[in-house]
Amino acid sequence: MAGQAKAKKARKGEEAQDAVLGVVRQAREGEQPIEVTLLTGARATLHPVSPALIQDVQVSIQNPPVPIFHNEEKGRDEENPMDPAYLAALERAEVERTQAVMDAQIMFGVELQEGFKVPPGWAKRLKRLGLEFDEGDPDEVEFTFKKYGVSNAHLILLGKLSGISEEDIERFRDLFRG
């Protein structure tokens, strides 16, 4: 009896998961990949990025712990969420989180067309700016080439394709405005 109930419950869970996947597939069916020219001149195709990947990347960047101070008046330790160093660390964590989401979108959502060529001197110019990467690792070269070739408009398109809300796209963009 218990085995049958467990199997029935498992089937219901699978059905619910299939329904969710069906909705996601249906929502994406109308979406066509978008052909673009990157800032580097390379041709690329933009694809949706898994919302699960985006969420996992976001939660991988943890907020710093709230600092504790000893409140002499109350004779106990208390959290101090208004500590300036803590607030600055929270802001850094949000910037890191945003950068990680953008990196995931670039890594998985931008597909360079076959036979892309890194322009001569490109890596040398980046290194002069202090932007180091392993030129011997083809994956790292491709990611770096895509990362520095994607414009704000491309990131907005990637976000929309991936189901990121307009508000979050604007918030991400605002974090990186000079």
C-alpha atoms as a PDB file:
ATOM      1  CA  MET A   1       0.000   0.000   0.000  1.00  0.00           C
ATOM      2  CA  ALA A   2       2.713   2.483   1.001  1.00  0.00           C
ATOM      3  CA  GLY A   3       4.693   1.645  -2.136  1.00  0.00           C
ATOM      4  CA  GLN A   4       1.689   2.419  -4.360  1.00  0.00           C
ATOM      5  CA  ALA A   5       1.081   5.756  -2.639  1.00  0.00           C
ATOM      6  CA  LYS A   6       4.731   6.677  -3.022  1.00  0.00           C
ATOM      7  CA  ALA A   7       4.685   5.747  -6.736  1.00  0.00           C
ATOM      8  CA  LYS A   8       1.467   7.742  -7.269  1.00  0.00           C
ATOM      9  CA  LYS A   9       3.003  10.765  -5.529  1.00  0.00           C
ATOM     10  CA  ALA A  10       6.145  10.460  -7.685  1.00  0.00           C
ATOM     11  CA  ARG A  11       4.008  10.327 -10.867  1.00  0.00           C
ATOM     12  CA  LYS A  12       2.132  13.471  -9.753  1.00  0.00           C
ATOM     13  CA  GLY A  13       5.457  15.231  -9.181  1.00  0.00           C
ATOM     14  CA  GLU A  14       6.655  14.186 -12.651  1.00  0.00           C
ATOM     15  CA  GLU A  15       3.382  15.378 -14.193  1.00  0.00           C
ATOM     16  CA  ALA A  16       3.714  18.754 -12.471  1.00  0.00           C
ATOM     17  CA  GLN A  17       7.309  19.068 -13.663  1.00  0.00           C
ATOM     18  CA  ASP A  18       6.261  18.099 -17.212  1.00  0.00           C
ATOM     19  CA  ALA A  19       3.531  20.758 -17.093  1.00  0.00           C
ATOM     20  CA  VAL A  20       6.037  23.418 -16.034  1.00  0.00           C
ATOM     21  CA  LEU A  21       8.460  22.353 -18.749  1.00  0.00           C
ATOM     22  CA  GLY A  22       5.611  22.438 -21.253  1.00  0.00           C
ATOM     23  CA  VAL A  23       4.760  26.023 -20.336  1.00  0.00           C
ATOM     24  CA  VAL A  24       8.421  27.035 -20.649  1.00  0.00           C
ATOM     25  CA  ARG A  25       8.689  25.304 -24.056  1.00  0.00           C
ATOM     26  CA  GLN A  26       5.460  26.919 -25.238  1.00  0.00           C
ATOM     27  CA  ALA A  27       6.627  30.353 -24.105  1.00  0.00           C
ATOM     28  CA  ARG A  28       9.891  29.906 -25.986  1.00  0.00           C
ATOM     29  CA  GLU A  29       8.447  28.334 -29.168  1.00  0.00           C
ATOM     30  CA  GLY A  30       7.705  31.717 -30.695  1.00  0.00           C
ATOM     31  CA  GLU A  31      11.151  33.049 -29.890  1.00  0.00           C
ATOM     32  CA  GLN A  32      13.583  32.955 -32.740  1.00  0.00           C
ATOM     33  CA  PRO A  33      17.303  33.332 -32.167  1.00  0.00           C
ATOM     34  CA  ILE A  34      18.471  36.834 -32.999  1.00  0.00           C
ATOM     35  CA  GLU A  35      21.380  37.420 -35.378  1.00  0.00           C
ATOM     36  CA  VAL A  36      23.636  40.336 -34.370  1.00  0.00           C
ATOM     37  CA  THR A  37      27.022  41.861 -35.078  1.00  0.00           C
ATOM     38  CA  LEU A  38      29.084  42.256 -31.919  1.00  0.00           C
ATOM     39  CA  LEU A  39      31.163  45.335 -31.174  1.00  0.00           C
ATOM     40  CA  THR A  40      34.197  43.283 -32.220  1.00  0.00           C
ATOM     41  CA  GLY A  41      32.686  42.857 -35.684  1.00  0.00           C
ATOM     42  CA  ALA A  42      31.994  39.143 -35.216  1.00  0.00           C
ATOM     43  CA  ARG A  43      28.605  37.764 -36.223  1.00  0.00           C
ATOM     44  CA  ALA A  44      26.725  35.963 -33.458  1.00  0.00           C
ATOM     45  CA  THR A  45      23.365  34.470 -32.595  1.00  0.00           C
ATOM     46  CA  LEU A  46      21.612  35.330 -29.330  1.00  0.00           C
ATOM     47  CA  HIS A  47      19.708  32.519 -27.585  1.00  0.00           C
ATOM     48  CA  PRO A  48      17.615  32.362 -24.389  1.00  0.00           C
ATOM     49  CA  VAL A  49      19.493  31.322 -21.247  1.00  0.00           C
ATOM     50  CA  SER A  50      17.942  28.954 -18.721  1.00  0.00           C
ATOM     51  CA  PRO A  51      16.202  30.801 -15.868  1.00  0.00           C
ATOM     52  CA  ALA A  52      17.467  28.073 -13.519  1.00  0.00           C
ATOM     53  CA  LEU A  53      21.052  28.853 -14.526  1.00  0.00           C
ATOM     54  CA  ILE A  54      20.495  32.565 -13.968  1.00  0.00           C
ATOM     55  CA  GLN A  55      18.968  31.947 -10.544  1.00  0.00           C
ATOM     56  CA  ASP A  56      21.743  29.532  -9.512  1.00  0.00           C
ATOM     57  CA  VAL A  57      24.374  32.060 -10.567  1.00  0.00           C
ATOM     58  CA  GLN A  58      22.632  34.766  -8.537  1.00  0.00           C
ATOM     59  CA  VAL A  59      22.423  32.716  -5.352  1.00  0.00           C
ATOM     60  CA  SER A  60      26.042  31.600  -5.701  1.00  0.00           C
ATOM     61  CA  ILE A  61      27.085  35.142  -4.712  1.00  0.00           C
ATOM     62  CA  GLN A  62      26.274  35.420  -1.030  1.00  0.00           C
ATOM     63  CA  ASN A  63      25.715  38.583   0.922  1.00  0.00           C
ATOM     64  CA  PRO A  64      28.268  39.309   3.630  1.00  0.00           C
ATOM     65  CA  PRO A  65      27.278  38.509   7.208  1.00  0.00           C
ATOM     66  CA  VAL A  66      25.697  41.373   9.128  1.00  0.00           C
ATOM     67  CA  PRO A  67      28.299  42.748  11.550  1.00  0.00           C
ATOM     68  CA  ILE A  68      27.760  42.325  15.257  1.00  0.00           C
ATOM     69  CA  PHE A  69      28.571  44.930  17.876  1.00  0.00           C
ATOM     70  CA  HIS A  70      28.321  44.837  21.623  1.00  0.00           C
ATOM     71  CA  ASN A  71      25.588  47.211  22.806  1.00  0.00           C
ATOM     72  CA  GLU A  72      26.875  48.418  26.180  1.00  0.00           C
ATOM     73  CA  GLU A  73      23.507  49.958  27.123  1.00  0.00           C
ATOM     74  CA  LYS A  74      21.672  46.667  26.659  1.00  0.00           C
ATOM     75  CA  GLY A  75      24.590  44.461  27.679  1.00  0.00           C
ATOM     76  CA  ARG A  76      24.322  42.208  24.632  1.00  0.00           C
ATOM     77  CA  ASP A  77      25.592  41.668  21.105  1.00  0.00           C
ATOM     78  CA  GLU A  78      23.394  43.051  18.310  1.00  0.00           C
ATOM     79  CA  GLU A  79      23.457  43.187  14.534  1.00  0.00           C
ATOM     80  CA  ASN A  80      24.439  46.462  12.910  1.00  0.00           C
ATOM     81  CA  PRO A  81      22.973  46.464   9.385  1.00  0.00           C
ATOM     82  CA  MET A  82      23.802  50.164   8.969  1.00  0.00           C
ATOM     83  CA  ASP A  83      27.578  49.689   9.317  1.00  0.00           C
ATOM     84  CA  PRO A  84      29.159  51.601   6.379  1.00  0.00           C
ATOM     85  CA  ALA A  85      31.627  48.797   5.618  1.00  0.00           C
ATOM     86  CA  TYR A  86      28.774  46.286   5.577  1.00  0.00           C
ATOM     87  CA  LEU A  87      26.673  48.483   3.266  1.00  0.00           C
ATOM     88  CA  ALA A  88      29.653  48.823   0.911  1.00  0.00           C
ATOM     89  CA  ALA A  89      30.159  45.027   0.973  1.00  0.00           C
ATOM     90  CA  LEU A  90      26.444  44.521   0.189  1.00  0.00           C
ATOM     91  CA  GLU A  91      26.793  46.827  -2.794  1.00  0.00           C
ATOM     92  CA  ARG A  92      29.904  44.920  -3.976  1.00  0.00           C
ATOM     93  CA  ALA A  93      27.991  41.625  -3.672  1.00  0.00           C
ATOM     94  CA  GLU A  94      25.168  43.034  -5.809  1.00  0.00           C
ATOM     95  CA  VAL A  95      27.637  44.202  -8.465  1.00  0.00           C
ATOM     96  CA  GLU A  96      29.322  40.757  -8.427  1.00  0.00           C
ATOM     97  CA  ARG A  97      25.901  39.085  -8.692  1.00  0.00           C
ATOM     98  CA  THR A  98      24.952  41.262 -11.644  1.00  0.00           C
ATOM     99  CA  GLN A  99      28.300  40.623 -13.346  1.00  0.00           C
ATOM    100  CA  ALA A 100      27.894  36.871 -12.837  1.00  0.00           C
ATOM    101  CA  VAL A 101      24.417  36.964 -14.424  1.00  0.00           C
ATOM    102  CA  MET A 102      25.731  38.942 -17.385  1.00  0.00           C
ATOM    103  CA  ASP A 103      28.676  36.539 -17.750  1.00  0.00           C
ATOM    104  CA  ALA A 104      26.281  33.554 -17.728  1.00  0.00           C
ATOM    105  CA  GLN A 105      24.111  35.205 -20.361  1.00  0.00           C
ATOM    106  CA  ILE A 106      27.142  35.911 -22.525  1.00  0.00           C
ATOM    107  CA  MET A 107      28.642  32.460 -22.021  1.00  0.00           C
ATOM    108  CA  PHE A 108      25.463  30.508 -22.767  1.00  0.00           C
ATOM    109  CA  GLY A 109      23.373  32.980 -24.762  1.00  0.00           C
ATOM    110  CA  VAL A 110      25.858  34.278 -27.340  1.00  0.00           C
ATOM    111  CA  GLU A 111      26.893  31.830 -30.033  1.00  0.00           C
ATOM    112  CA  LEU A 112      29.645  33.032 -32.326  1.00  0.00           C
ATOM    113  CA  GLN A 113      29.187  32.003 -35.923  1.00  0.00           C
ATOM    114  CA  GLU A 114      31.539  29.368 -37.249  1.00  0.00           C
ATOM    115  CA  GLY A 115      35.053  30.416 -38.055  1.00  0.00           C
ATOM    116  CA  PHE A 116      35.196  33.585 -35.969  1.00  0.00           C
ATOM    117  CA  LYS A 117      38.637  35.122 -35.980  1.00  0.00           C
ATOM    118  CA  VAL A 118      40.196  37.128 -33.185  1.00  0.00           C
ATOM    119  CA  PRO A 119      41.605  40.278 -34.808  1.00  0.00           C
ATOM    120  CA  PRO A 120      45.395  40.610 -34.709  1.00  0.00           C
ATOM    121  CA  GLY A 121      46.609  42.567 -31.697  1.00  0.00           C
ATOM    122  CA  TRP A 122      43.253  42.286 -29.905  1.00  0.00           C
ATOM    123  CA  ALA A 123      44.583  40.195 -26.999  1.00  0.00           C
ATOM    124  CA  LYS A 124      47.682  42.369 -26.705  1.00  0.00           C
ATOM    125  CA  ARG A 125      45.559  45.530 -26.408  1.00  0.00           C
ATOM    126  CA  LEU A 126      43.413  43.943 -23.670  1.00  0.00           C
ATOM    127  CA  LYS A 127      46.499  42.890 -21.741  1.00  0.00           C
ATOM    128  CA  ARG A 128      47.832  46.446 -21.944  1.00  0.00           C
ATOM    129  CA  LEU A 129      44.683  47.491 -20.123  1.00  0.00           C
ATOM    130  CA  GLY A 130      45.399  44.917 -17.418  1.00  0.00           C
ATOM    131  CA  LEU A 131      42.707  42.511 -18.653  1.00  0.00           C
ATOM    132  CA  GLU A 132      44.450  39.154 -18.391  1.00  0.00           C
ATOM    133  CA  PHE A 133      43.161  35.870 -19.793  1.00  0.00           C
ATOM    134  CA  ASP A 134      44.696  32.596 -20.947  1.00  0.00           C
ATOM    135  CA  GLU A 135      45.314  32.923 -24.675  1.00  0.00           C
ATOM    136  CA  GLY A 136      46.091  29.188 -24.791  1.00  0.00           C
ATOM    137  CA  ASP A 137      42.580  28.228 -23.624  1.00  0.00           C
ATOM    138  CA  PRO A 138      40.192  28.396 -26.615  1.00  0.00           C
ATOM    139  CA  ASP A 139      37.118  28.550 -24.357  1.00  0.00           C
ATOM    140  CA  GLU A 140      38.539  31.459 -22.380  1.00  0.00           C
ATOM    141  CA  VAL A 141      39.527  33.292 -25.570  1.00  0.00           C
ATOM    142  CA  GLU A 142      36.026  32.814 -27.002  1.00  0.00           C
ATOM    143  CA  PHE A 143      34.316  33.946 -23.781  1.00  0.00           C
ATOM    144  CA  THR A 144      36.565  37.013 -23.485  1.00  0.00           C
ATOM    145  CA  PHE A 145      36.003  37.850 -27.158  1.00  0.00           C
ATOM    146  CA  LYS A 146      32.228  37.606 -26.659  1.00  0.00           C
ATOM    147  CA  LYS A 147      32.277  39.488 -23.340  1.00  0.00           C
ATOM    148  CA  TYR A 148      34.045  42.515 -24.760  1.00  0.00           C
ATOM    149  CA  GLY A 149      31.995  42.409 -27.940  1.00  0.00           C
ATOM    150  CA  VAL A 150      28.526  42.432 -26.394  1.00  0.00           C
ATOM    151  CA  SER A 151      26.832  45.833 -26.215  1.00  0.00           C
ATOM    152  CA  ASN A 152      24.193  47.023 -23.732  1.00  0.00           C
ATOM    153  CA  ALA A 153      21.582  46.483 -26.451  1.00  0.00           C
ATOM    154  CA  HIS A 154      22.723  42.857 -26.849  1.00  0.00           C
ATOM    155  CA  LEU A 155      22.491  42.324 -23.069  1.00  0.00           C
ATOM    156  CA  ILE A 156      18.969  43.744 -23.043  1.00  0.00           C
ATOM    157  CA  LEU A 157      17.967  41.395 -25.876  1.00  0.00           C
ATOM    158  CA  LEU A 158      19.534  38.439 -24.041  1.00  0.00           C
ATOM    159  CA  GLY A 159      17.666  39.380 -20.879  1.00  0.00           C
ATOM    160  CA  LYS A 160      14.350  39.605 -22.701  1.00  0.00           C
ATOM    161  CA  LEU A 161      14.966  36.294 -24.486  1.00  0.00           C
ATOM    162  CA  SER A 162      15.777  34.676 -21.136  1.00  0.00           C
ATOM    163  CA  GLY A 163      12.701  36.043 -19.386  1.00  0.00           C
ATOM    164  CA  ILE A 164      14.477  38.550 -17.163  1.00  0.00           C
ATOM    165  CA  SER A 165      12.032  41.309 -16.205  1.00  0.00           C
ATOM    166  CA  GLU A 166      12.362  44.800 -17.668  1.00  0.00           C
ATOM    167  CA  GLU A 167      12.905  46.132 -14.129  1.00  0.00           C
ATOM    168  CA  ASP A 168      15.831  43.760 -13.513  1.00  0.00           C
ATOM    169  CA  ILE A 169      17.351  44.582 -16.897  1.00  0.00           C
ATOM    170  CA  GLU A 170      17.172  48.294 -16.040  1.00  0.00           C
ATOM    171  CA  ARG A 171      18.595  47.656 -12.557  1.00  0.00           C
ATOM    172  CA  PHE A 172      21.487  45.661 -14.042  1.00  0.00           C
ATOM    173  CA  ARG A 173      22.178  48.394 -16.566  1.00  0.00           C
ATOM    174  CA  ASP A 174      22.030  51.114 -13.899  1.00  0.00           C
ATOM    175  CA  LEU A 175      24.625  49.302 -11.778  1.00  0.00           C
ATOM    176  CA  PHE A 176      27.126  49.633 -14.623  1.00  0.00           C
ATOM    177  CA  ARG A 177      26.461  53.194 -15.720  1.00  0.00           C
ATOM    178  CA  GLY A 178      29.412  55.491 -15.172  1.00  0.00           C
END
